[in-house]
Protein backbone atom coordinates (compact mmCIF):
# COMPACT_ATOMS: atom_id res chain seq x y z
CA GLU A 1 93.08 86.51 30.77
CA LEU A 2 89.38 85.92 31.35
CA ARG A 3 88.78 86.15 27.62
CA ALA A 4 91.40 83.46 27.05
CA LEU A 5 89.63 81.21 29.58
CA GLU A 6 86.18 81.63 28.05
CA PRO A 7 86.42 78.61 25.69
CA LEU A 8 87.48 76.34 28.59
CA LEU A 9 84.77 77.66 30.89
CA GLN A 10 82.15 77.20 28.19
CA ARG A 11 83.44 73.69 27.56
CA GLN A 12 83.12 72.94 31.27
CA ILE A 13 79.53 74.21 31.22
CA ASP A 14 78.71 72.13 28.13
CA LEU A 15 80.04 68.88 29.63
CA SER A 16 79.20 69.49 33.28
CA SER A 17 78.71 72.79 35.14
CA LEU A 18 80.56 75.50 37.04
CA PRO A 19 79.96 75.48 40.80
CA ARG A 20 78.88 78.59 42.68
CA SER A 21 80.68 79.67 45.84
CA ASP A 22 78.10 77.83 47.98
CA GLU A 23 78.37 74.59 45.98
CA VAL A 24 80.77 71.66 45.67
CA LEU A 25 80.99 70.11 42.22
CA LEU A 26 81.20 66.32 41.96
CA GLU A 27 81.51 64.62 38.57
CA LEU A 28 80.85 60.95 37.87
CA CYS A 29 81.96 59.25 34.69
CA ARG A 30 83.07 55.88 33.33
CA SER A 31 85.95 55.05 31.04
CA ARG A 32 88.01 52.07 29.98
CA GLU A 33 90.02 52.58 33.17
CA GLY A 34 87.01 52.19 35.46
CA SER A 35 84.62 54.37 37.45
CA HIS A 36 85.71 57.94 38.21
CA LEU A 37 84.63 60.35 40.92
CA PHE A 38 85.99 63.89 40.59
CA VAL A 39 85.46 66.30 43.50
CA PHE A 40 86.34 70.01 43.39
CA PRO A 41 86.52 71.72 46.81
CA PHE A 42 89.20 74.24 45.63
CA GLU A 43 91.03 73.96 48.96
CA GLY A 44 94.62 73.33 47.81
CA ARG A 45 96.72 70.30 47.03
CA PHE A 46 97.65 69.17 50.56
CA VAL A 47 94.08 69.40 51.85
CA HIS A 48 92.81 67.53 48.79
CA GLU A 49 95.38 64.80 49.38
CA GLY A 50 94.08 64.29 52.91
CA ILE A 51 90.41 64.37 51.87
CA GLY A 52 91.06 62.09 48.89
CA PHE A 53 92.67 59.34 50.96
CA LEU A 54 90.10 59.85 53.71
CA TRP A 55 87.19 59.43 51.29
CA ALA A 56 88.83 56.43 49.61
CA TRP A 57 89.18 54.69 52.97
CA ARG A 58 85.69 55.60 54.17
CA LEU A 59 84.09 54.46 50.91
CA ALA A 60 86.02 51.18 51.02
CA ARG A 61 84.58 50.50 54.46
CA HIS A 62 81.13 50.38 52.89
CA ARG A 63 82.13 48.73 49.60
CA PRO A 64 85.64 47.21 49.66
CA SER A 65 87.66 47.91 46.52
CA THR A 66 90.98 49.24 45.29
CA VAL A 67 90.69 53.01 44.89
CA THR A 68 93.40 55.17 43.32
CA VAL A 69 93.70 58.80 44.41
CA SER A 70 95.10 61.73 42.41
CA VAL A 71 95.04 65.38 43.51
CA ASN A 72 95.83 68.91 42.40
CA ASP A 73 95.07 72.42 43.64
CA TYR A 74 91.47 72.32 42.38
CA GLY A 75 90.26 68.92 43.56
CA PHE A 76 90.83 65.19 43.64
CA GLU A 77 89.94 62.07 41.67
CA LEU A 78 88.98 58.64 42.99
CA LEU A 79 89.34 55.86 40.42
CA ALA A 80 87.80 52.45 41.14
CA PRO A 81 87.15 49.35 39.02
CA LYS A 82 84.30 49.43 36.52
CA GLY A 83 80.88 49.26 38.12
CA TYR A 84 81.93 50.69 41.48
CA PRO A 85 78.78 52.37 42.87
CA PHE A 86 80.10 55.84 43.66
CA GLU A 87 76.71 57.48 43.18
CA GLU A 88 74.89 55.02 45.43
CA LEU A 89 77.53 55.38 48.15
CA LEU A 90 77.39 59.18 47.97
CA ASP A 91 73.63 59.02 48.39
CA LEU A 92 73.73 56.58 51.30
CA HIS A 93 76.87 57.70 53.11
CA GLY A 94 77.56 61.28 52.02
CA ASP A 95 77.29 62.58 55.59
CA SER A 96 79.79 60.06 56.94
CA LEU A 97 82.31 61.06 54.26
CA LEU A 98 82.34 64.55 55.78
CA ALA A 99 82.28 63.53 59.46
CA VAL A 100 84.94 65.19 61.63
CA ASP A 101 84.22 63.54 65.00
CA ALA A 102 86.69 60.69 64.32
CA LEU A 103 88.89 62.58 61.88
CA GLU A 104 92.30 61.81 63.38
CA HIS A 105 91.50 58.12 63.80
CA ASP A 106 90.26 57.82 60.24
CA LEU A 107 93.24 59.75 58.86
CA GLU A 108 95.57 57.36 60.65
CA GLN A 109 93.79 54.47 58.95
CA ALA A 110 93.55 56.16 55.56
CA VAL A 111 97.20 57.17 55.14
CA ASN A 112 100.29 55.27 56.21
CA LEU A 113 100.71 57.50 59.24
CA SER A 114 103.37 55.27 60.77
CA GLU A 115 105.61 55.63 57.71
CA LEU A 116 105.05 59.40 57.56
CA CYS A 117 105.95 59.68 61.25
CA ARG A 118 109.05 57.56 60.71
CA ARG A 119 110.27 60.02 58.07
CA ARG A 120 109.46 63.04 60.24
CA PHE A 121 111.17 61.46 63.27
CA ARG A 122 114.65 61.86 61.74
CA ALA A 123 114.58 65.66 62.02
CA ILE A 124 113.14 65.50 65.53
CA ALA A 125 115.81 63.01 66.63
CA GLN A 126 118.54 65.29 65.27
CA VAL A 127 117.18 68.39 67.01
CA SER A 128 116.83 66.49 70.31
CA GLY A 129 120.42 65.21 70.07
CA LEU A 130 119.50 61.53 69.77
CA ILE A 131 121.43 61.27 66.52
CA SER A 132 124.28 63.43 65.33
CA GLN A 133 125.29 64.50 61.85
CA SER A 134 128.94 63.94 62.70
CA MET A 135 131.27 62.50 65.31
CA PRO A 136 134.92 63.45 65.91
CA GLY A 137 136.80 62.32 62.84
CA GLN A 138 133.70 60.81 61.21
CA ASN A 139 130.77 62.18 59.21
CA LYS A 140 127.57 60.18 58.79
CA THR A 141 125.97 59.86 55.38
CA GLY A 142 122.29 60.63 54.83
CA GLY A 143 121.60 56.91 54.56
CA GLN A 144 123.32 56.20 57.88
CA LEU A 145 121.32 58.95 59.57
CA GLN A 146 118.10 57.55 58.14
CA ILE A 147 118.94 54.05 59.38
CA SER A 148 119.81 55.39 62.85
CA ALA A 149 116.56 57.35 63.02
CA ALA A 150 114.53 54.36 61.78
CA LEU A 151 116.05 52.09 64.43
CA LEU A 152 115.33 54.62 67.16
CA PHE A 153 111.77 55.06 65.89
CA ASP A 154 111.20 51.29 66.05
CA VAL A 155 112.70 51.05 69.56
CA PHE A 156 110.55 53.91 70.88
CA SER A 157 107.44 52.52 69.17
CA LYS A 158 107.94 49.12 70.77
CA HIS A 159 109.21 50.01 74.24
CA GLU A 160 108.03 53.59 74.84
CA PRO A 161 104.96 54.20 72.67
CA ASP A 162 103.96 57.25 74.77
CA SER A 163 107.28 58.99 74.09
CA LEU A 164 106.99 62.75 73.65
CA LEU A 165 109.25 62.48 70.59
CA LEU A 166 106.87 60.05 68.89
CA GLU A 167 103.93 62.27 69.79
CA GLN A 168 105.78 65.28 68.36
CA ALA A 169 106.35 63.43 65.07
CA ARG A 170 102.69 62.43 64.93
CA ARG A 171 101.48 65.97 65.65
CA GLU A 172 103.77 67.47 63.01
CA VAL A 173 102.53 65.02 60.38
CA LEU A 174 98.87 65.67 61.19
CA GLU A 175 99.12 69.44 61.67
CA GLU A 176 101.75 70.39 59.08
CA GLN A 177 101.96 67.71 56.40
CA LEU A 178 98.28 66.74 56.30
CA GLU A 179 97.11 70.20 57.49
CA ARG A 180 94.47 68.67 59.74
CA PRO A 181 92.96 72.00 60.90
CA ARG A 182 92.46 73.18 57.30
CA LEU A 183 91.27 69.71 56.30
CA GLN A 184 88.63 69.76 59.05
CA ALA A 185 87.54 73.27 58.06
CA ALA A 186 87.26 72.13 54.43
CA LEU A 187 85.09 69.15 55.39
CA GLU A 188 82.83 71.42 57.45
CA ARG A 189 82.51 73.86 54.56
CA MET A 190 81.69 71.00 52.18
CA ALA A 191 79.04 69.77 54.62
CA ALA A 192 77.43 73.23 54.65
CA SER A 193 77.51 73.50 50.85
CA ARG A 194 75.12 72.16 48.25
CA TRP A 195 76.49 69.20 46.34
CA ARG A 196 76.14 69.57 42.59
CA ILE A 197 76.51 66.04 41.21
CA GLU A 198 77.00 65.81 37.45
CA ARG A 199 77.12 62.62 35.35
CA THR A 200 79.44 63.27 32.44
CA ALA A 201 80.21 61.30 29.29
CA ARG A 202 83.92 62.02 29.69
CA PRO A 203 86.21 64.12 31.90
CA GLY A 204 85.86 67.85 31.31
CA PRO A 205 88.35 70.74 31.60
CA LEU A 206 88.38 70.67 35.41
CA ALA A 207 88.83 66.89 35.58
CA PHE A 208 91.36 66.49 32.78
CA PRO A 209 94.37 67.82 34.78
CA LEU A 210 93.66 65.17 37.43
CA LEU A 211 93.93 62.47 34.76
CA VAL A 212 97.26 63.95 33.68
CA GLU A 213 98.43 64.04 37.30
CA ARG A 214 97.71 60.33 37.66
CA LEU A 215 99.34 59.48 34.33
CA ASN A 216 102.43 61.39 35.36
CA ASN A 217 102.85 59.08 38.36
CA ARG A 218 102.45 55.89 36.34
CA LEU A 219 105.32 54.00 34.77
CA SER A 220 104.97 53.72 31.00
CA ASN A 221 107.10 53.47 27.87
CA GLU A 222 105.10 56.44 26.54
CA SER A 223 106.09 59.99 27.42
CA LEU A 224 103.58 62.08 29.38
CA LEU A 225 103.02 64.26 26.31
CA GLU A 226 102.24 61.18 24.18
CA ARG A 227 99.75 59.92 26.75
CA VAL A 228 98.05 63.33 27.01
CA GLN A 229 97.84 63.61 23.22
CA ARG A 230 96.29 60.14 23.09
CA LEU A 231 93.65 61.14 25.66
CA ILE A 232 92.83 64.28 23.68
CA ALA A 233 92.55 62.29 20.44
CA GLU A 234 90.22 59.76 22.10
CA ALA A 235 88.00 62.56 23.42
CA GLN A 236 87.86 64.20 20.00
CA ARG A 237 86.95 60.91 18.30
CA ALA A 238 84.19 60.35 20.84
CA GLU A 239 82.73 63.73 19.92
CA GLY A 240 83.19 63.23 16.19
CA LEU A 241 85.73 66.04 15.86
């Protein structure tokens, strides 16, 4: 298996580098799509999703822009318009990107926490008996249950914002869906690690799957395979292959 990976690992070294266990690899590159920042903490998809949106929001506080986030098990990508100063912002505000003192507040701002809580509230409302799957002689559809839960969520949010049920939904989203404890531990580990920042001509083997992940979530009249083949062909032309 390792022998099969050798060409990819060598390719990664040629274009960028391989991080050691005490390092975090960050790659900066530009393309026709815009400015890319690839970060590889190797902490798992859910943690990377939280960190990706957190970084996008914290960076936009310093330099407002539209930032697209894509994630996988190895890392995350931030894509901004051409000319976005990722490197300058990392240099000036790197410490604040990893801050954990206001983590919950910033997460609430970075992700649509209200919408995530609304979705989680349905299960909590069912367990608590506020809504029922069925009544005598009548079964509710999934859509009807969702509407009932959404209405209850709005009523509680407006008239009883300190409700224990709302707090339960919020805690479950933060602790389970966003894995806040693991996310905080990952940020602390990244803060204690050396940042290896590489400027690359094009995305390498570690970054390429993140491009594919983003393409897979984009509507297009091309199939995913066609788009991936086009990216490979463009990279080969750029290298004269």
